[in-house]
C-alpha cells in the first residue's frame, strides 16, 4: 500500500487566523508570529486570557505550572 501523495491534496486556501497562506519557504517556522498583523492578533488574544488570580476569584482552578 502506498502513502498518499501530497500533490493530490487540494490547495490550501488560507493561513492561520485568516492570514493569507505562505509557502513553507517563506514561513518563519518556530516563531509565534509571522508578521505585524499576527503580532497584533496575538496581543488581542492575550488581552482576553484571564490570569490565574482572576480564575481563582471565579472559583476555577488554573492550569498547573509546567516544568
N, C-alpha and C. Protein backbone atom coordinates (compact mmCIF):
# COMPACT_ATOMS: atom_id res chain seq x y z
N UNK A 1 0.85 -1.19 0.00
CA UNK A 1 0.00 0.00 0.00
C UNK A 1 0.89 1.24 0.00
N UNK A 2 0.65 2.16 -0.89
CA UNK A 2 1.47 3.37 -0.96
C UNK A 2 0.86 4.48 -0.12
N UNK A 3 1.72 5.40 0.33
CA UNK A 3 1.22 6.52 1.12
C UNK A 3 0.67 7.58 0.17
N UNK A 4 -0.27 8.38 0.69
CA UNK A 4 -0.88 9.41 -0.17
C UNK A 4 0.15 10.43 -0.64
N UNK A 5 -0.02 10.87 -1.84
CA UNK A 5 0.89 11.86 -2.41
C UNK A 5 0.39 13.26 -2.06
N UNK A 6 1.24 14.09 -1.38
CA UNK A 6 0.79 15.44 -1.01
C UNK A 6 0.35 16.28 -2.20
N UNK A 7 0.84 15.96 -3.39
CA UNK A 7 0.43 16.71 -4.57
C UNK A 7 -1.04 16.50 -4.89
N UNK A 8 -1.64 15.40 -4.35
CA UNK A 8 -3.05 15.12 -4.60
C UNK A 8 -3.97 15.92 -3.67
N UNK A 9 -3.41 16.56 -2.63
CA UNK A 9 -4.21 17.34 -1.69
C UNK A 9 -4.72 18.61 -2.36
N UNK A 10 -5.91 19.06 -1.96
CA UNK A 10 -6.40 20.33 -2.52
C UNK A 10 -5.52 21.48 -2.06
N UNK A 11 -5.46 22.56 -2.81
CA UNK A 11 -4.63 23.70 -2.41
C UNK A 11 -5.12 24.32 -1.10
N UNK A 12 -4.19 24.82 -0.32
CA UNK A 12 -4.54 25.50 0.93
C UNK A 12 -5.03 26.89 0.56
N UNK A 13 -6.21 27.23 1.04
CA UNK A 13 -6.83 28.49 0.65
C UNK A 13 -6.51 29.64 1.59
N UNK A 14 -6.23 29.36 2.84
CA UNK A 14 -5.97 30.44 3.78
C UNK A 14 -4.99 29.99 4.85
N UNK A 15 -4.38 30.97 5.50
CA UNK A 15 -3.45 30.66 6.56
C UNK A 15 -4.12 30.72 7.92
N UNK A 16 -3.31 30.72 8.94
CA UNK A 16 -3.81 30.72 10.31
C UNK A 16 -4.50 32.04 10.63
N UNK A 17 -5.61 31.95 11.32
CA UNK A 17 -6.36 33.11 11.83
C UNK A 17 -6.70 34.12 10.73
N UNK A 18 -6.99 33.62 9.56
CA UNK A 18 -7.43 34.50 8.49
C UNK A 18 -6.32 35.13 7.67
N UNK A 19 -5.07 34.89 8.05
CA UNK A 19 -3.95 35.44 7.29
C UNK A 19 -3.81 34.67 5.98
N UNK A 20 -3.21 35.30 5.00
CA UNK A 20 -3.02 34.60 3.74
C UNK A 20 -1.98 33.49 3.91
N UNK A 21 -2.13 32.45 3.10
CA UNK A 21 -1.23 31.30 3.15
C UNK A 21 0.17 31.70 2.70
N UNK A 22 1.18 31.13 3.35
CA UNK A 22 2.58 31.33 2.93
C UNK A 22 3.18 29.98 2.60
N UNK A 23 3.98 29.95 1.56
CA UNK A 23 4.70 28.72 1.24
C UNK A 23 5.68 28.42 2.37
N UNK A 24 6.04 27.17 2.52
CA UNK A 24 6.92 26.75 3.60
C UNK A 24 8.26 27.48 3.55
N UNK A 25 8.73 27.82 2.37
CA UNK A 25 9.99 28.54 2.25
C UNK A 25 9.93 29.97 2.78
N UNK A 26 8.72 30.54 2.84
CA UNK A 26 8.55 31.92 3.31
C UNK A 26 8.16 32.00 4.78
N UNK A 27 7.54 30.94 5.30
CA UNK A 27 7.05 30.95 6.68
C UNK A 27 8.23 30.95 7.66
N UNK A 28 8.05 31.65 8.75
CA UNK A 28 9.07 31.68 9.80
C UNK A 28 8.69 30.65 10.85
N UNK A 29 9.04 29.39 10.58
CA UNK A 29 8.70 28.31 11.49
C UNK A 29 9.45 28.49 12.81
N UNK A 30 8.77 28.16 13.90
CA UNK A 30 9.36 28.30 15.22
C UNK A 30 9.09 29.66 15.85
N UNK A 31 8.44 30.54 15.12
CA UNK A 31 8.10 31.86 15.62
C UNK A 31 6.61 31.89 15.94
N UNK A 32 6.23 32.59 17.01
CA UNK A 32 4.81 32.67 17.35
C UNK A 32 4.04 33.52 16.36
N UNK A 33 4.71 34.45 15.70
CA UNK A 33 4.04 35.32 14.74
C UNK A 33 4.85 35.38 13.46
N UNK A 34 4.16 35.67 12.37
CA UNK A 34 4.80 35.75 11.06
C UNK A 34 5.02 37.18 10.61
N UNK A 35 4.20 38.09 11.13
CA UNK A 35 4.30 39.48 10.71
C UNK A 35 3.60 40.37 11.75
N UNK A 36 3.54 41.66 11.48
CA UNK A 36 2.96 42.62 12.42
C UNK A 36 1.48 42.33 12.66
N UNK A 37 0.76 41.94 11.62
CA UNK A 37 -0.66 41.63 11.79
C UNK A 37 -0.85 40.45 12.74
N UNK A 38 -0.01 39.43 12.61
CA UNK A 38 -0.06 38.29 13.54
C UNK A 38 0.22 38.76 14.96
N UNK A 39 1.19 39.66 15.13
CA UNK A 39 1.54 40.15 16.45
C UNK A 39 0.37 40.90 17.08
N UNK A 40 -0.31 41.73 16.29
CA UNK A 40 -1.48 42.45 16.80
C UNK A 40 -2.58 41.47 17.22
N UNK A 41 -2.81 40.47 16.37
CA UNK A 41 -3.84 39.48 16.66
C UNK A 41 -3.50 38.70 17.93
N UNK A 42 -2.24 38.30 18.08
CA UNK A 42 -1.81 37.58 19.27
C UNK A 42 -1.96 38.47 20.51
N UNK A 43 -1.61 39.74 20.39
CA UNK A 43 -1.76 40.67 21.51
C UNK A 43 -3.20 40.78 21.95
N UNK A 44 -4.11 40.88 20.98
CA UNK A 44 -5.54 40.94 21.30
C UNK A 44 -6.01 39.65 21.97
N UNK A 45 -5.52 38.52 21.48
CA UNK A 45 -5.88 37.24 22.08
C UNK A 45 -5.39 37.17 23.53
N UNK A 46 -4.17 37.62 23.77
CA UNK A 46 -3.59 37.54 25.11
C UNK A 46 -4.30 38.48 26.08
N UNK A 47 -4.83 39.59 25.59
CA UNK A 47 -5.57 40.51 26.46
C UNK A 47 -6.83 39.85 27.02
N UNK A 48 -7.40 38.93 26.24
CA UNK A 48 -8.63 38.26 26.68
C UNK A 48 -8.37 37.09 27.62
N UNK A 49 -7.14 36.61 27.72
CA UNK A 49 -6.82 35.47 28.58
C UNK A 49 -6.82 35.93 30.03
N UNK A 50 -7.56 35.20 30.86
CA UNK A 50 -7.64 35.57 32.27
C UNK A 50 -6.43 35.06 33.03
N UNK A 51 -6.00 35.81 34.03
CA UNK A 51 -4.86 35.41 34.87
C UNK A 51 -5.31 34.34 35.85
N UNK A 52 -4.32 33.66 36.48
CA UNK A 52 -4.65 32.66 37.49
C UNK A 52 -5.46 33.27 38.62
N UNK A 53 -5.10 34.49 39.06
CA UNK A 53 -5.83 35.16 40.15
C UNK A 53 -7.28 35.40 39.74
N UNK A 54 -7.50 35.82 38.51
CA UNK A 54 -8.88 36.05 38.04
C UNK A 54 -9.67 34.74 38.02
N UNK A 55 -9.04 33.66 37.59
CA UNK A 55 -9.71 32.37 37.57
C UNK A 55 -10.06 31.92 38.98
N UNK A 56 -9.12 32.08 39.91
CA UNK A 56 -9.36 31.67 41.29
C UNK A 56 -10.49 32.48 41.92
N UNK A 57 -10.59 33.78 41.59
CA UNK A 57 -11.68 34.62 42.10
C UNK A 57 -13.04 34.08 41.66
N UNK A 58 -13.06 33.46 40.50
CA UNK A 58 -14.31 32.91 39.96
C UNK A 58 -14.55 31.48 40.42
N UNK A 59 -13.66 30.98 41.29
CA UNK A 59 -13.81 29.62 41.81
C UNK A 59 -13.30 28.54 40.86
N UNK A 60 -12.54 28.94 39.87
CA UNK A 60 -11.98 27.98 38.93
C UNK A 60 -10.56 27.62 39.33
N UNK A 61 -10.08 26.47 38.85
CA UNK A 61 -8.72 26.02 39.14
C UNK A 61 -7.87 26.29 37.90
N UNK A 62 -6.81 27.11 38.04
CA UNK A 62 -5.95 27.38 36.89
C UNK A 62 -5.13 26.16 36.50
N UNK A 63 -4.62 26.18 35.29
CA UNK A 63 -3.76 25.10 34.83
C UNK A 63 -2.54 24.99 35.74
N UNK A 64 -2.04 23.78 35.94
CA UNK A 64 -0.84 23.63 36.77
C UNK A 64 0.39 24.20 36.07
N UNK A 65 1.37 24.56 36.87
CA UNK A 65 2.62 25.07 36.32
C UNK A 65 3.33 23.93 35.61
N UNK A 66 3.82 24.19 34.41
CA UNK A 66 4.55 23.17 33.67
C UNK A 66 6.03 23.37 33.88
N UNK A 67 6.71 22.30 34.18
CA UNK A 67 8.16 22.39 34.43
C UNK A 67 8.94 21.81 33.29
